[in-house]
Amino acid sequence: MVMARGRAATASGSKYLQQLCKHWSHKFDVDFSPTRGEVRFASAVATLEASADGLLVTIEADDPDSVERFKETLARHLDRFAFREAPLPFDWSAGGPT
């Protein structure tokens, strides 16, 4: 597995986490609370953690291309919900193999 972590600064991390999880729960296996969410896609897992000043996202997938694709997908969906703040810049770092 390959992993990447990204953080976006926002005071609405919990709100966006819940909106993303509810949106994806119609299609994927999702568990979430106001501060933590997990979305299990077919080829990746995204974990979201909200704090008072940001949203931390961890993406784990089988290969680097999938991680890159899910980083883009997640950012695009988040910007739809965060349209007043969009685009939310993510500070991504590679986590390496897990």
C-alpha atoms as a PDB file:
ATOM      1  CA  MET A   1       0.000   0.000   0.000  1.00  0.00           C
ATOM      2  CA  VAL A   2       1.053   3.569  -0.726  1.00  0.00           C
ATOM      3  CA  MET A   3      -0.031   6.446   1.481  1.00  0.00           C
ATOM      4  CA  ALA A   4      -0.284  10.232   1.275  1.00  0.00           C
ATOM      5  CA  ARG A   5      -1.346  12.734   3.921  1.00  0.00           C
ATOM      6  CA  GLY A   6      -2.721  16.163   3.266  1.00  0.00           C
ATOM      7  CA  ARG A   7      -3.959  19.014   5.378  1.00  0.00           C
ATOM      8  CA  ALA A   8      -6.196  21.905   4.435  1.00  0.00           C
ATOM      9  CA  ALA A   9      -6.553  24.890   6.743  1.00  0.00           C
ATOM     10  CA  THR A  10     -10.220  25.620   7.451  1.00  0.00           C
ATOM     11  CA  ALA A  11     -12.385  26.377  10.453  1.00  0.00           C
ATOM     12  CA  SER A  12     -15.100  24.163   8.911  1.00  0.00           C
ATOM     13  CA  GLY A  13     -13.239  20.834   8.873  1.00  0.00           C
ATOM     14  CA  SER A  14     -15.947  18.955  10.760  1.00  0.00           C
ATOM     15  CA  LYS A  15     -18.695  20.288   8.516  1.00  0.00           C
ATOM     16  CA  TYR A  16     -16.825  19.335   5.339  1.00  0.00           C
ATOM     17  CA  LEU A  17     -15.849  15.910   6.719  1.00  0.00           C
ATOM     18  CA  GLN A  18     -19.502  15.107   7.416  1.00  0.00           C
ATOM     19  CA  GLN A  19     -20.678  16.409   4.036  1.00  0.00           C
ATOM     20  CA  LEU A  20     -18.071  14.357   2.160  1.00  0.00           C
ATOM     21  CA  CYS A  21     -18.862  11.214   4.135  1.00  0.00           C
ATOM     22  CA  LYS A  22     -22.624  11.586   3.659  1.00  0.00           C
ATOM     23  CA  HIS A  23     -22.103  12.224  -0.057  1.00  0.00           C
ATOM     24  CA  TRP A  24     -19.981   9.096  -0.521  1.00  0.00           C
ATOM     25  CA  SER A  25     -22.080   6.900   1.776  1.00  0.00           C
ATOM     26  CA  HIS A  26     -24.581   6.394  -1.036  1.00  0.00           C
ATOM     27  CA  LYS A  27     -21.961   4.522  -3.046  1.00  0.00           C
ATOM     28  CA  PHE A  28     -19.239   3.313  -0.673  1.00  0.00           C
ATOM     29  CA  ASP A  29     -18.771   1.863   2.803  1.00  0.00           C
ATOM     30  CA  VAL A  30     -18.431   4.877   5.135  1.00  0.00           C
ATOM     31  CA  ASP A  31     -18.148   5.402   8.890  1.00  0.00           C
ATOM     32  CA  PHE A  32     -17.976   8.872  10.400  1.00  0.00           C
ATOM     33  CA  SER A  33     -18.431  11.105  13.405  1.00  0.00           C
ATOM     34  CA  PRO A  34     -18.075  14.904  13.619  1.00  0.00           C
ATOM     35  CA  THR A  35     -14.290  14.556  14.022  1.00  0.00           C
ATOM     36  CA  ARG A  36     -13.303  11.413  12.092  1.00  0.00           C
ATOM     37  CA  GLY A  37     -14.417   9.668   8.942  1.00  0.00           C
ATOM     38  CA  GLU A  38     -13.367   6.695   6.866  1.00  0.00           C
ATOM     39  CA  VAL A  39     -14.408   6.074   3.262  1.00  0.00           C
ATOM     40  CA  ARG A  40     -13.591   2.671   1.789  1.00  0.00           C
ATOM     41  CA  PHE A  41     -13.489   3.011  -1.977  1.00  0.00           C
ATOM     42  CA  ALA A  42     -12.986  -0.037  -4.207  1.00  0.00           C
ATOM     43  CA  SER A  43      -9.228   0.578  -4.536  1.00  0.00           C
ATOM     44  CA  ALA A  44      -8.384   3.007  -1.713  1.00  0.00           C
ATOM     45  CA  VAL A  45      -9.247   4.102   1.807  1.00  0.00           C
ATOM     46  CA  ALA A  46      -9.535   7.763   2.786  1.00  0.00           C
ATOM     47  CA  THR A  47      -9.417   8.742   6.446  1.00  0.00           C
ATOM     48  CA  LEU A  48     -10.496  12.261   7.368  1.00  0.00           C
ATOM     49  CA  GLU A  49      -9.813  13.954  10.704  1.00  0.00           C
ATOM     50  CA  ALA A  50     -11.257  17.361  11.567  1.00  0.00           C
ATOM     51  CA  SER A  51      -9.793  19.810  14.040  1.00  0.00           C
ATOM     52  CA  ALA A  52     -10.714  23.364  14.966  1.00  0.00           C
ATOM     53  CA  ASP A  53      -8.377  24.751  12.309  1.00  0.00           C
ATOM     54  CA  GLY A  54      -8.194  22.146   9.566  1.00  0.00           C
ATOM     55  CA  LEU A  55      -8.979  18.883   7.851  1.00  0.00           C
ATOM     56  CA  LEU A  56      -6.357  16.134   7.729  1.00  0.00           C
ATOM     57  CA  VAL A  57      -6.781  13.488   5.030  1.00  0.00           C
ATOM     58  CA  THR A  58      -4.894  10.211   4.723  1.00  0.00           C
ATOM     59  CA  ILE A  59      -5.247   8.215   1.510  1.00  0.00           C
ATOM     60  CA  GLU A  60      -4.036   4.628   1.214  1.00  0.00           C
ATOM     61  CA  ALA A  61      -4.112   2.779  -2.100  1.00  0.00           C
ATOM     62  CA  ASP A  62      -2.338  -0.044  -3.900  1.00  0.00           C
ATOM     63  CA  ASP A  63      -0.170   2.150  -6.122  1.00  0.00           C
ATOM     64  CA  PRO A  64       1.063   5.760  -6.482  1.00  0.00           C
ATOM     65  CA  ASP A  65      -1.191   6.485  -9.487  1.00  0.00           C
ATOM     66  CA  SER A  66      -4.292   5.588  -7.470  1.00  0.00           C
ATOM     67  CA  VAL A  67      -3.159   7.798  -4.597  1.00  0.00           C
ATOM     68  CA  GLU A  68      -2.714  10.724  -6.998  1.00  0.00           C
ATOM     69  CA  ARG A  69      -6.138  10.111  -8.548  1.00  0.00           C
ATOM     70  CA  PHE A  70      -7.839  10.017  -5.140  1.00  0.00           C
ATOM     71  CA  LYS A  71      -6.008  13.171  -3.996  1.00  0.00           C
ATOM     72  CA  GLU A  72      -7.493  14.993  -6.977  1.00  0.00           C
ATOM     73  CA  THR A  73     -10.940  13.454  -6.500  1.00  0.00           C
ATOM     74  CA  LEU A  74     -11.054  14.332  -2.830  1.00  0.00           C
ATOM     75  CA  ALA A  75      -9.874  17.906  -3.388  1.00  0.00           C
ATOM     76  CA  ARG A  76     -12.392  18.437  -6.204  1.00  0.00           C
ATOM     77  CA  HIS A  77     -15.293  17.166  -4.069  1.00  0.00           C
ATOM     78  CA  LEU A  78     -14.165  19.155  -1.049  1.00  0.00           C
ATOM     79  CA  ASP A  79     -14.036  22.351  -3.104  1.00  0.00           C
ATOM     80  CA  ARG A  80     -17.665  21.813  -4.095  1.00  0.00           C
ATOM     81  CA  PHE A  81     -18.724  21.761  -0.449  1.00  0.00           C
ATOM     82  CA  ALA A  82     -16.292  24.521   0.535  1.00  0.00           C
ATOM     83  CA  PHE A  83     -17.256  26.795  -2.344  1.00  0.00           C
ATOM     84  CA  ARG A  84     -17.026  29.917  -0.156  1.00  0.00           C
ATOM     85  CA  GLU A  85     -13.409  29.055   0.704  1.00  0.00           C
ATOM     86  CA  ALA A  86     -12.463  27.183  -2.460  1.00  0.00           C
ATOM     87  CA  PRO A  87     -10.070  26.213  -3.613  1.00  0.00           C
ATOM     88  CA  LEU A  88      -8.784  24.810  -0.342  1.00  0.00           C
ATOM     89  CA  PRO A  89      -5.062  24.239  -0.776  1.00  0.00           C
ATOM     90  CA  PHE A  90      -3.854  20.905   0.544  1.00  0.00           C
ATOM     91  CA  ASP A  91      -0.337  20.497   1.848  1.00  0.00           C
ATOM     92  CA  TRP A  92       0.374  16.887   0.759  1.00  0.00           C
ATOM     93  CA  SER A  93       3.202  14.648   1.901  1.00  0.00           C
ATOM     94  CA  ALA A  94       3.962  11.108   0.842  1.00  0.00           C
ATOM     95  CA  GLY A  95       3.679   8.547   3.560  1.00  0.00           C
ATOM     96  CA  GLY A  96       5.431   5.790   1.643  1.00  0.00           C
ATOM     97  CA  PRO A  97       4.446   2.135   1.657  1.00  0.00           C
ATOM     98  CA  THR A  98       2.353   0.867   4.551  1.00  0.00           C
END
